[in-house]
Amino acid sequence: MALESLKAEIGLILEMFSNPPHDRYELYVQLKEKLNDMRVFGMTPPADLLEFEEALDKEFAGQGAAARKR
């Protein structure tokens, strides 16, 4: 089972590389989609990607709040 999970994770990563983001926000959206796909299928996302997701959440949450104040 662990081998299948690893294969699925590698597949998701390779798919991300085949469709590179044009900017940081697009990377954020793609990462959120892939991590959500992993969660739906019962896979545990890698800890480093979860940390990156959290950092991007904070970064873009701040931008959203600033945009709403305008």
N, C-alpha and C. Protein backbone atom coordinates (compact mmCIF):
# COMPACT_ATOMS: atom_id res chain seq x y z
N MET A 1 0.83 -1.20 0.00
CA MET A 1 0.00 0.00 0.00
C MET A 1 0.86 1.26 0.00
N ALA A 2 1.96 1.24 0.73
CA ALA A 2 2.84 2.40 0.79
C ALA A 2 3.44 2.68 -0.58
N LEU A 3 3.75 1.63 -1.34
CA LEU A 3 4.32 1.81 -2.68
C LEU A 3 3.31 2.48 -3.60
N GLU A 4 2.06 2.09 -3.53
CA GLU A 4 1.02 2.70 -4.36
C GLU A 4 0.83 4.17 -4.00
N SER A 5 0.88 4.47 -2.72
CA SER A 5 0.75 5.85 -2.26
C SER A 5 1.91 6.69 -2.78
N LEU A 6 3.11 6.13 -2.70
CA LEU A 6 4.29 6.83 -3.19
C LEU A 6 4.19 7.07 -4.69
N LYS A 7 3.75 6.07 -5.43
CA LYS A 7 3.58 6.22 -6.88
C LYS A 7 2.58 7.33 -7.19
N ALA A 8 1.50 7.38 -6.44
CA ALA A 8 0.49 8.42 -6.66
C ALA A 8 1.05 9.80 -6.37
N GLU A 9 1.81 9.93 -5.31
CA GLU A 9 2.42 11.22 -4.97
C GLU A 9 3.39 11.65 -6.05
N ILE A 10 4.20 10.72 -6.53
CA ILE A 10 5.16 11.04 -7.59
C ILE A 10 4.41 11.46 -8.85
N GLY A 11 3.32 10.78 -9.15
CA GLY A 11 2.51 11.15 -10.31
C GLY A 11 1.98 12.56 -10.20
N LEU A 12 1.51 12.93 -9.02
CA LEU A 12 1.01 14.29 -8.81
C LEU A 12 2.11 15.33 -8.98
N ILE A 13 3.28 15.02 -8.47
CA ILE A 13 4.41 15.96 -8.59
C ILE A 13 4.82 16.11 -10.04
N LEU A 14 4.89 15.00 -10.77
CA LEU A 14 5.26 15.07 -12.18
C LEU A 14 4.23 15.85 -12.99
N GLU A 15 2.98 15.70 -12.64
CA GLU A 15 1.92 16.45 -13.31
C GLU A 15 2.09 17.95 -13.07
N MET A 16 2.49 18.30 -11.86
CA MET A 16 2.72 19.72 -11.54
C MET A 16 3.85 20.27 -12.40
N PHE A 17 4.91 19.48 -12.61
CA PHE A 17 6.04 19.94 -13.40
C PHE A 17 5.69 20.05 -14.88
N SER A 18 4.74 19.26 -15.35
CA SER A 18 4.37 19.31 -16.76
C SER A 18 3.52 20.54 -17.07
N ASN A 19 2.97 21.16 -16.06
CA ASN A 19 2.14 22.35 -16.23
C ASN A 19 2.61 23.41 -15.24
N PRO A 20 3.80 24.01 -15.49
CA PRO A 20 4.37 24.94 -14.51
C PRO A 20 3.55 26.22 -14.38
N PRO A 21 3.45 26.74 -13.18
CA PRO A 21 2.69 27.98 -12.95
C PRO A 21 3.43 29.19 -13.51
N HIS A 22 2.67 30.21 -13.87
CA HIS A 22 3.26 31.43 -14.42
C HIS A 22 3.61 32.44 -13.33
N ASP A 23 2.96 32.33 -12.19
CA ASP A 23 3.27 33.25 -11.09
C ASP A 23 3.02 32.53 -9.76
N ARG A 24 3.33 33.23 -8.70
CA ARG A 24 3.26 32.63 -7.37
C ARG A 24 1.82 32.26 -6.98
N TYR A 25 0.86 33.07 -7.37
CA TYR A 25 -0.53 32.77 -7.02
C TYR A 25 -1.02 31.52 -7.76
N GLU A 26 -0.63 31.38 -9.01
CA GLU A 26 -1.01 30.19 -9.77
C GLU A 26 -0.40 28.94 -9.14
N LEU A 27 0.84 29.05 -8.67
CA LEU A 27 1.49 27.95 -7.95
C LEU A 27 0.66 27.59 -6.71
N TYR A 28 0.22 28.60 -6.00
CA TYR A 28 -0.60 28.42 -4.80
C TYR A 28 -1.88 27.65 -5.13
N VAL A 29 -2.55 28.05 -6.18
CA VAL A 29 -3.81 27.40 -6.57
C VAL A 29 -3.55 25.95 -6.97
N GLN A 30 -2.51 25.71 -7.76
CA GLN A 30 -2.18 24.35 -8.17
C GLN A 30 -1.82 23.47 -6.98
N LEU A 31 -1.05 24.02 -6.06
CA LEU A 31 -0.67 23.26 -4.87
C LEU A 31 -1.90 22.90 -4.04
N LYS A 32 -2.80 23.86 -3.84
CA LYS A 32 -4.04 23.60 -3.09
C LYS A 32 -4.85 22.48 -3.76
N GLU A 33 -4.95 22.53 -5.08
CA GLU A 33 -5.71 21.51 -5.81
C GLU A 33 -5.09 20.13 -5.62
N LYS A 34 -3.79 20.03 -5.76
CA LYS A 34 -3.12 18.73 -5.65
C LYS A 34 -3.20 18.18 -4.23
N LEU A 35 -3.00 19.04 -3.25
CA LEU A 35 -3.09 18.58 -1.86
C LEU A 35 -4.52 18.15 -1.52
N ASN A 36 -5.49 18.86 -2.03
CA ASN A 36 -6.89 18.46 -1.80
C ASN A 36 -7.19 17.14 -2.48
N ASP A 37 -6.64 16.92 -3.69
CA ASP A 37 -6.80 15.63 -4.37
C ASP A 37 -6.23 14.51 -3.51
N MET A 38 -5.05 14.75 -2.96
CA MET A 38 -4.42 13.74 -2.10
C MET A 38 -5.29 13.44 -0.89
N ARG A 39 -5.83 14.48 -0.28
CA ARG A 39 -6.67 14.29 0.90
C ARG A 39 -7.94 13.51 0.57
N VAL A 40 -8.54 13.81 -0.58
CA VAL A 40 -9.77 13.12 -0.99
C VAL A 40 -9.52 11.62 -1.15
N PHE A 41 -8.34 11.27 -1.66
CA PHE A 41 -8.02 9.86 -1.90
C PHE A 41 -7.39 9.19 -0.68
N GLY A 42 -7.40 9.90 0.46
CA GLY A 42 -6.92 9.30 1.70
C GLY A 42 -5.41 9.25 1.84
N MET A 43 -4.70 9.98 0.99
CA MET A 43 -3.24 10.01 1.10
C MET A 43 -2.83 11.12 2.06
N THR A 44 -1.72 10.93 2.71
CA THR A 44 -1.19 11.95 3.61
C THR A 44 -0.20 12.80 2.83
N PRO A 45 -0.50 14.09 2.65
CA PRO A 45 0.44 14.96 1.92
C PRO A 45 1.77 15.07 2.67
N PRO A 46 2.86 15.23 1.93
CA PRO A 46 4.18 15.41 2.57
C PRO A 46 4.19 16.65 3.47
N ALA A 47 4.87 16.52 4.59
CA ALA A 47 4.92 17.60 5.59
C ALA A 47 5.48 18.90 5.01
N ASP A 48 6.50 18.81 4.14
CA ASP A 48 7.08 20.03 3.60
C ASP A 48 6.09 20.77 2.70
N LEU A 49 5.26 20.03 1.97
CA LEU A 49 4.25 20.69 1.15
C LEU A 49 3.15 21.31 2.00
N LEU A 50 2.83 20.67 3.11
CA LEU A 50 1.84 21.23 4.03
C LEU A 50 2.35 22.53 4.64
N GLU A 51 3.63 22.57 4.97
CA GLU A 51 4.23 23.79 5.52
C GLU A 51 4.22 24.90 4.47
N PHE A 52 4.53 24.53 3.22
CA PHE A 52 4.53 25.50 2.13
C PHE A 52 3.11 26.02 1.89
N GLU A 53 2.13 25.12 1.94
CA GLU A 53 0.73 25.51 1.79
C GLU A 53 0.33 26.51 2.88
N GLU A 54 0.74 26.24 4.11
CA GLU A 54 0.40 27.13 5.22
C GLU A 54 1.03 28.51 5.03
N ALA A 55 2.28 28.54 4.58
CA ALA A 55 2.95 29.82 4.34
C ALA A 55 2.24 30.60 3.23
N LEU A 56 1.86 29.91 2.17
CA LEU A 56 1.16 30.58 1.08
C LEU A 56 -0.24 31.02 1.51
N ASP A 57 -0.90 30.21 2.35
CA ASP A 57 -2.21 30.62 2.89
C ASP A 57 -2.10 31.96 3.60
N LYS A 58 -1.08 32.08 4.44
CA LYS A 58 -0.89 33.32 5.19
C LYS A 58 -0.57 34.49 4.26
N GLU A 59 0.29 34.22 3.27
CA GLU A 59 0.68 35.27 2.32
C GLU A 59 -0.53 35.78 1.54
N PHE A 60 -1.31 34.89 0.99
CA PHE A 60 -2.43 35.32 0.15
C PHE A 60 -3.65 35.73 0.96
N ALA A 61 -3.79 35.26 2.19
CA ALA A 61 -4.86 35.74 3.05
C ALA A 61 -4.64 37.21 3.37
N GLY A 62 -3.40 37.59 3.59
CA GLY A 62 -3.07 38.99 3.85
C GLY A 62 -3.35 39.87 2.65
N GLN A 63 -3.08 39.37 1.46
CA GLN A 63 -3.34 40.15 0.26
C GLN A 63 -4.83 40.31 0.03
N GLY A 64 -5.59 39.27 0.35
CA GLY A 64 -7.04 39.35 0.18
C GLY A 64 -7.65 40.38 1.13
N ALA A 65 -7.14 40.42 2.34
CA ALA A 65 -7.64 41.39 3.33
C ALA A 65 -7.30 42.81 2.89
N ALA A 66 -6.10 43.00 2.34
CA ALA A 66 -5.68 44.33 1.88
C ALA A 66 -6.54 44.77 0.71
N ALA A 67 -6.88 43.84 -0.17
CA ALA A 67 -7.69 44.18 -1.35
C ALA A 67 -9.11 44.55 -0.92
N ARG A 68 -9.65 43.90 0.10
CA ARG A 68 -11.00 44.19 0.57
C ARG A 68 -11.08 45.58 1.22
N LYS A 69 -9.97 46.07 1.78
CA LYS A 69 -9.97 47.38 2.45
C LYS A 69 -10.01 48.53 1.44
N ARG A 70 -9.63 48.24 0.20
CA ARG A 70 -9.57 49.31 -0.81
C ARG A 70 -10.92 49.76 -1.25
